[in-house]
């Protein structure tokens, strides 16, 4: 989905910010493909120059940050 719920404080720790992203080349499907190896993605939103990936839990988000 395109939703990364920024209002739910419980979901904040399971969200990963990806900065300095060349969004002219990298698409949402690319971001999902790269980050899905760390856990189930429940939301992904790509904006000009950055993206957010929302995981089901904080453990997945921490693994993604450590791995990338």
PDB file of N, CA and C in Angstrom:
ATOM      1  N   UNK A   1       0.841  -1.190   0.000  1.00  0.00           N
ATOM      2  CA  UNK A   1       0.000   0.000   0.000  1.00  0.00           C
ATOM      3  C   UNK A   1       0.875   1.239   0.000  1.00  0.00           C
ATOM      4  N   UNK A   2       0.271   2.365  -0.102  1.00  0.00           N
ATOM      5  CA  UNK A   2       0.993   3.632  -0.149  1.00  0.00           C
ATOM      6  C   UNK A   2       1.009   4.295   1.216  1.00  0.00           C
ATOM      7  N   UNK A   3       0.432   3.647   2.216  1.00  0.00           N
ATOM      8  CA  UNK A   3       0.224   4.273   3.509  1.00  0.00           C
ATOM      9  C   UNK A   3       1.393   4.016   4.447  1.00  0.00           C
ATOM     10  N   UNK A   4       1.937   5.088   4.986  1.00  0.00           N
ATOM     11  CA  UNK A   4       2.897   5.006   6.085  1.00  0.00           C
ATOM     12  C   UNK A   4       2.315   5.911   7.151  1.00  0.00           C
ATOM     13  N   UNK A   5       1.627   5.307   8.116  1.00  0.00           N
ATOM     14  CA  UNK A   5       0.826   6.056   9.087  1.00  0.00           C
ATOM     15  C   UNK A   5       1.695   6.865  10.036  1.00  0.00           C
ATOM     16  N   UNK A   6       1.780   8.152   9.778  1.00  0.00           N
ATOM     17  CA  UNK A   6       2.656   9.007  10.591  1.00  0.00           C
ATOM     18  C   UNK A   6       1.979   9.496  11.866  1.00  0.00           C
ATOM     19  N   UNK A   7       0.705   9.182  12.059  1.00  0.00           N
ATOM     20  CA  UNK A   7       0.011   9.667  13.253  1.00  0.00           C
ATOM     21  C   UNK A   7      -0.019   8.642  14.378  1.00  0.00           C
ATOM     22  N   UNK A   8       0.232   7.387  14.072  1.00  0.00           N
ATOM     23  CA  UNK A   8       0.190   6.342  15.086  1.00  0.00           C
ATOM     24  C   UNK A   8       1.562   6.202  15.750  1.00  0.00           C
ATOM     25  N   UNK A   9       1.680   6.590  17.016  1.00  0.00           N
ATOM     26  CA  UNK A   9       3.002   6.548  17.672  1.00  0.00           C
ATOM     27  C   UNK A   9       3.581   5.144  17.763  1.00  0.00           C
ATOM     28  N   UNK A  10       2.732   4.120  17.795  1.00  0.00           N
ATOM     29  CA  UNK A  10       3.231   2.737  17.865  1.00  0.00           C
ATOM     30  C   UNK A  10       3.897   2.329  16.559  1.00  0.00           C
ATOM     31  N   UNK A  11       3.485   2.935  15.452  1.00  0.00           N
ATOM     32  CA  UNK A  11       4.055   2.554  14.162  1.00  0.00           C
ATOM     33  C   UNK A  11       5.340   3.316  13.834  1.00  0.00           C
ATOM     34  N   UNK A  12       5.644   4.354  14.602  1.00  0.00           N
ATOM     35  CA  UNK A  12       6.827   5.171  14.323  1.00  0.00           C
ATOM     36  C   UNK A  12       8.110   4.348  14.330  1.00  0.00           C
ATOM     37  N   UNK A  13       8.250   3.438  15.282  1.00  0.00           N
ATOM     38  CA  UNK A  13       9.471   2.657  15.410  1.00  0.00           C
ATOM     39  C   UNK A  13       9.596   1.550  14.378  1.00  0.00           C
ATOM     40  N   UNK A  14       8.526   1.286  13.641  1.00  0.00           N
ATOM     41  CA  UNK A  14       8.600   0.254  12.611  1.00  0.00           C
ATOM     42  C   UNK A  14       8.681   0.862  11.212  1.00  0.00           C
ATOM     43  N   UNK A  15       8.990   2.153  11.148  1.00  0.00           N
ATOM     44  CA  UNK A  15       9.110   2.872   9.877  1.00  0.00           C
ATOM     45  C   UNK A  15      10.570   3.219   9.626  1.00  0.00           C
ATOM     46  N   UNK A  16      10.989   3.092   8.374  1.00  0.00           N
ATOM     47  CA  UNK A  16      12.355   3.412   7.985  1.00  0.00           C
ATOM     48  C   UNK A  16      12.331   4.541   6.958  1.00  0.00           C
ATOM     49  N   UNK A  17      13.151   5.561   7.212  1.00  0.00           N
ATOM     50  CA  UNK A  17      13.316   6.672   6.274  1.00  0.00           C
ATOM     51  C   UNK A  17      14.518   6.361   5.395  1.00  0.00           C
ATOM     52  N   UNK A  18      14.334   6.504   4.082  1.00  0.00           N
ATOM     53  CA  UNK A  18      15.426   6.307   3.137  1.00  0.00           C
ATOM     54  C   UNK A  18      15.674   7.648   2.459  1.00  0.00           C
ATOM     55  N   UNK A  19      16.801   8.238   2.754  1.00  0.00           N
ATOM     56  CA  UNK A  19      17.117   9.557   2.210  1.00  0.00           C
ATOM     57  C   UNK A  19      18.077   9.490   1.042  1.00  0.00           C
ATOM     58  N   UNK A  20      18.283  10.647   0.405  1.00  0.00           N
ATOM     59  CA  UNK A  20      19.228  10.788  -0.700  1.00  0.00           C
ATOM     60  C   UNK A  20      18.951   9.755  -1.784  1.00  0.00           C
ATOM     61  N   UNK A  21      17.692   9.630  -2.160  1.00  0.00           N
ATOM     62  CA  UNK A  21      17.240   8.626  -3.112  1.00  0.00           C
ATOM     63  C   UNK A  21      17.015   9.283  -4.469  1.00  0.00           C
ATOM     64  N   UNK A  22      17.622   8.738  -5.499  1.00  0.00           N
ATOM     65  CA  UNK A  22      17.407   9.260  -6.847  1.00  0.00           C
ATOM     66  C   UNK A  22      16.093   8.696  -7.377  1.00  0.00           C
ATOM     67  N   UNK A  23      15.005   9.422  -7.125  1.00  0.00           N
ATOM     68  CA  UNK A  23      13.670   8.924  -7.479  1.00  0.00           C
ATOM     69  C   UNK A  23      13.367   9.051  -8.971  1.00  0.00           C
ATOM     70  N   UNK A  24      14.285   9.605  -9.732  1.00  0.00           N
ATOM     71  CA  UNK A  24      14.121   9.572 -11.187  1.00  0.00           C
ATOM     72  C   UNK A  24      14.470   8.189 -11.718  1.00  0.00           C
ATOM     73  N   UNK A  25      15.301   7.468 -10.970  1.00  0.00           N
ATOM     74  CA  UNK A  25      15.742   6.135 -11.369  1.00  0.00           C
ATOM     75  C   UNK A  25      15.088   5.049 -10.519  1.00  0.00           C
ATOM     76  N   UNK A  26      15.025   5.277  -9.204  1.00  0.00           N
ATOM     77  CA  UNK A  26      14.513   4.273  -8.267  1.00  0.00           C
ATOM     78  C   UNK A  26      13.005   4.445  -8.098  1.00  0.00           C
ATOM     79  N   UNK A  27      12.286   3.376  -8.324  1.00  0.00           N
ATOM     80  CA  UNK A  27      10.824   3.397  -8.220  1.00  0.00           C
ATOM     81  C   UNK A  27      10.371   2.686  -6.941  1.00  0.00           C
ATOM     82  N   UNK A  28       9.083   2.818  -6.647  1.00  0.00           N
ATOM     83  CA  UNK A  28       8.505   2.190  -5.453  1.00  0.00           C
ATOM     84  C   UNK A  28       8.761   0.685  -5.456  1.00  0.00           C
ATOM     85  N   UNK A  29       8.609   0.046  -6.600  1.00  0.00           N
ATOM     86  CA  UNK A  29       8.822  -1.402  -6.682  1.00  0.00           C
ATOM     87  C   UNK A  29      10.274  -1.768  -6.362  1.00  0.00           C
ATOM     88  N   UNK A  30      11.221  -0.897  -6.735  1.00  0.00           N
ATOM     89  CA  UNK A  30      12.629  -1.136  -6.424  1.00  0.00           C
ATOM     90  C   UNK A  30      12.869  -1.061  -4.922  1.00  0.00           C
ATOM     91  N   UNK A  31      12.297  -0.040  -4.285  1.00  0.00           N
ATOM     92  CA  UNK A  31      12.447   0.133  -2.842  1.00  0.00           C
ATOM     93  C   UNK A  31      11.864  -1.079  -2.117  1.00  0.00           C
ATOM     94  N   UNK A  32      10.677  -1.509  -2.535  1.00  0.00           N
ATOM     95  CA  UNK A  32      10.041  -2.668  -1.909  1.00  0.00           C
ATOM     96  C   UNK A  32      10.873  -3.927  -2.110  1.00  0.00           C
ATOM     97  N   UNK A  33      11.451  -4.094  -3.289  1.00  0.00           N
ATOM     98  CA  UNK A  33      12.266  -5.281  -3.570  1.00  0.00           C
ATOM     99  C   UNK A  33      13.513  -5.310  -2.689  1.00  0.00           C
ATOM    100  N   UNK A  34      14.146  -4.174  -2.504  1.00  0.00           N
ATOM    101  CA  UNK A  34      15.363  -4.095  -1.694  1.00  0.00           C
ATOM    102  C   UNK A  34      15.050  -4.334  -0.222  1.00  0.00           C
ATOM    103  N   UNK A  35      13.990  -3.721   0.274  1.00  0.00           N
ATOM    104  CA  UNK A  35      13.727  -3.742   1.716  1.00  0.00           C
ATOM    105  C   UNK A  35      12.835  -4.897   2.179  1.00  0.00           C
ATOM    106  N   UNK A  36      12.214  -5.614   1.264  1.00  0.00           N
ATOM    107  CA  UNK A  36      11.332  -6.714   1.665  1.00  0.00           C
ATOM    108  C   UNK A  36      12.101  -7.886   2.270  1.00  0.00           C
ATOM    109  N   UNK A  37      13.403  -7.975   2.007  1.00  0.00           N
ATOM    110  CA  UNK A  37      14.182  -9.087   2.580  1.00  0.00           C
ATOM    111  C   UNK A  37      14.328  -8.983   4.096  1.00  0.00           C
ATOM    112  N   UNK A  38      13.978  -7.830   4.671  1.00  0.00           N
ATOM    113  CA  UNK A  38      14.101  -7.637   6.119  1.00  0.00           C
ATOM    114  C   UNK A  38      12.806  -7.911   6.873  1.00  0.00           C
ATOM    115  N   UNK A  39      11.721  -8.108   6.144  1.00  0.00           N
ATOM    116  CA  UNK A  39      10.454  -8.399   6.796  1.00  0.00           C
ATOM    117  C   UNK A  39       9.278  -7.960   5.956  1.00  0.00           C
ATOM    118  N   UNK A  40       8.084  -8.230   6.455  1.00  0.00           N
ATOM    119  CA  UNK A  40       6.849  -7.879   5.736  1.00  0.00           C
ATOM    120  C   UNK A  40       6.656  -6.367   5.737  1.00  0.00           C
ATOM    121  N   UNK A  41       6.512  -5.821   4.536  1.00  0.00           N
ATOM    122  CA  UNK A  41       6.271  -4.386   4.367  1.00  0.00           C
ATOM    123  C   UNK A  41       4.762  -4.164   4.321  1.00  0.00           C
ATOM    124  N   UNK A  42       4.287  -3.264   5.172  1.00  0.00           N
ATOM    125  CA  UNK A  42       2.857  -2.959   5.170  1.00  0.00           C
ATOM    126  C   UNK A  42       2.562  -1.620   4.504  1.00  0.00           C
ATOM    127  N   UNK A  43       3.609  -0.851   4.211  1.00  0.00           N
ATOM    128  CA  UNK A  43       3.419   0.414   3.526  1.00  0.00           C
ATOM    129  C   UNK A  43       4.730   0.910   2.952  1.00  0.00           C
ATOM    130  N   UNK A  44       4.633   1.571   1.816  1.00  0.00           N
ATOM    131  CA  UNK A  44       5.818   2.146   1.189  1.00  0.00           C
ATOM    132  C   UNK A  44       5.380   3.396   0.446  1.00  0.00           C
ATOM    133  N   UNK A  45       6.051   4.506   0.722  1.00  0.00           N
ATOM    134  CA  UNK A  45       5.737   5.732  -0.003  1.00  0.00           C
ATOM    135  C   UNK A  45       7.043   6.353  -0.486  1.00  0.00           C
ATOM    136  N   UNK A  46       7.055   6.690  -1.774  1.00  0.00           N
ATOM    137  CA  UNK A  46       8.240   7.277  -2.395  1.00  0.00           C
ATOM    138  C   UNK A  46       7.911   8.715  -2.774  1.00  0.00           C
ATOM    139  N   UNK A  47       8.805   9.606  -2.404  1.00  0.00           N
ATOM    140  CA  UNK A  47       8.646  11.032  -2.669  1.00  0.00           C
ATOM    141  C   UNK A  47       9.881  11.515  -3.402  1.00  0.00           C
ATOM    142  N   UNK A  48       9.923  12.744  -3.793  1.00  0.00           N
ATOM    143  CA  UNK A  48      11.077  13.262  -4.521  1.00  0.00           C
ATOM    144  C   UNK A  48      12.302  13.305  -3.603  1.00  0.00           C
ATOM    145  N   UNK A  49      13.230  12.390  -3.839  1.00  0.00           N
ATOM    146  CA  UNK A  49      14.479  12.368  -3.096  1.00  0.00           C
ATOM    147  C   UNK A  49      14.498  11.500  -1.853  1.00  0.00           C
ATOM    148  N   UNK A  50      13.360  10.942  -1.451  1.00  0.00           N
ATOM    149  CA  UNK A  50      13.332  10.111  -0.251  1.00  0.00           C
ATOM    150  C   UNK A  50      12.140   9.153  -0.286  1.00  0.00           C
ATOM    151  N   UNK A  51      12.161   8.212   0.663  1.00  0.00           N
ATOM    152  CA  UNK A  51      11.070   7.240   0.761  1.00  0.00           C
ATOM    153  C   UNK A  51      10.913   6.806   2.212  1.00  0.00           C
ATOM    154  N   UNK A  52       9.758   6.232   2.499  1.00  0.00           N
ATOM    155  CA  UNK A  52       9.496   5.612   3.795  1.00  0.00           C
ATOM    156  C   UNK A  52       9.046   4.176   3.545  1.00  0.00           C
ATOM    157  N   UNK A  53       9.522   3.272   4.378  1.00  0.00           N
ATOM    158  CA  UNK A  53       9.059   1.887   4.344  1.00  0.00           C
ATOM    159  C   UNK A  53       8.507   1.573   5.722  1.00  0.00           C
ATOM    160  N   UNK A  54       7.293   1.059   5.754  1.00  0.00           N
ATOM    161  CA  UNK A  54       6.626   0.711   7.009  1.00  0.00           C
ATOM    162  C   UNK A  54       6.588  -0.806   7.135  1.00  0.00           C
ATOM    163  N   UNK A  55       7.175  -1.317   8.220  1.00  0.00           N
ATOM    164  CA  UNK A  55       7.169  -2.750   8.486  1.00  0.00           C
ATOM    165  C   UNK A  55       6.092  -3.099   9.506  1.00  0.00           C
ATOM    166  N   UNK A  56       5.855  -4.405   9.666  1.00  0.00           N
ATOM    167  CA  UNK A  56       4.859  -4.847  10.640  1.00  0.00           C
ATOM    168  C   UNK A  56       5.358  -4.638  12.063  1.00  0.00           C
ATOM    169  N   UNK A  57       6.684  -4.628  12.268  1.00  0.00           N
ATOM    170  CA  UNK A  57       7.189  -4.438  13.623  1.00  0.00           C
ATOM    171  C   UNK A  57       8.553  -3.747  13.624  1.00  0.00           C
ATOM    172  N   UNK A  58       8.948  -3.318  14.795  1.00  0.00           N
ATOM    173  CA  UNK A  58      10.190  -2.575  14.967  1.00  0.00           C
ATOM    174  C   UNK A  58      11.422  -3.426  14.673  1.00  0.00           C
ATOM    175  N   UNK A  59      11.346  -4.699  14.967  1.00  0.00           N
ATOM    176  CA  UNK A  59      12.486  -5.601  14.723  1.00  0.00           C
ATOM    177  C   UNK A  59      12.875  -5.619  13.241  1.00  0.00           C
ATOM    178  N   UNK A  60      11.864  -5.675  12.348  1.00  0.00           N
ATOM    179  CA  UNK A  60      12.131  -5.647  10.915  1.00  0.00           C
ATOM    180  C   UNK A  60      12.772  -4.336  10.499  1.00  0.00           C
ATOM    181  N   UNK A  61      12.270  -3.234  11.057  1.00  0.00           N
ATOM    182  CA  UNK A  61      12.799  -1.913  10.719  1.00  0.00           C
ATOM    183  C   UNK A  61      14.247  -1.786  11.163  1.00  0.00           C
ATOM    184  N   UNK A  62      14.560  -2.272  12.342  1.00  0.00           N
ATOM    185  CA  UNK A  62      15.946  -2.214  12.837  1.00  0.00           C
ATOM    186  C   UNK A  62      16.874  -3.059  11.978  1.00  0.00           C
ATOM    187  N   UNK A  63      16.396  -4.213  11.536  1.00  0.00           N
ATOM    188  CA  UNK A  63      17.195  -5.076  10.670  1.00  0.00           C
ATOM    189  C   UNK A  63      17.478  -4.391   9.339  1.00  0.00           C
ATOM    190  N   UNK A  64      16.486  -3.685   8.808  1.00  0.00           N
ATOM    191  CA  UNK A  64      16.667  -2.980   7.534  1.00  0.00           C
ATOM    192  C   UNK A  64      17.686  -1.848   7.670  1.00  0.00           C
ATOM    193  N   UNK A  65      17.609  -1.120   8.772  1.00  0.00           N
ATOM    194  CA  UNK A  65      18.557  -0.021   9.008  1.00  0.00           C
ATOM    195  C   UNK A  65      19.973  -0.587   9.145  1.00  0.00           C
ATOM    196  N   UNK A  66      20.111  -1.665   9.880  1.00  0.00           N
ATOM    197  CA  UNK A  66      21.418  -2.277  10.076  1.00  0.00           C
ATOM    198  C   UNK A  66      21.959  -2.860   8.772  1.00  0.00           C
ATOM    199  N   UNK A  67      21.075  -3.435   7.977  1.00  0.00           N
ATOM    200  CA  UNK A  67      21.494  -4.119   6.747  1.00  0.00           C
ATOM    201  C   UNK A  67      21.803  -3.194   5.591  1.00  0.00           C
ATOM    202  N   UNK A  68      21.187  -2.051   5.562  1.00  0.00           N
ATOM    203  CA  UNK A  68      21.402  -1.123   4.453  1.00  0.00           C
ATOM    204  C   UNK A  68      22.233   0.058   4.886  1.00  0.00           C
TER     205      UNK A  68
END
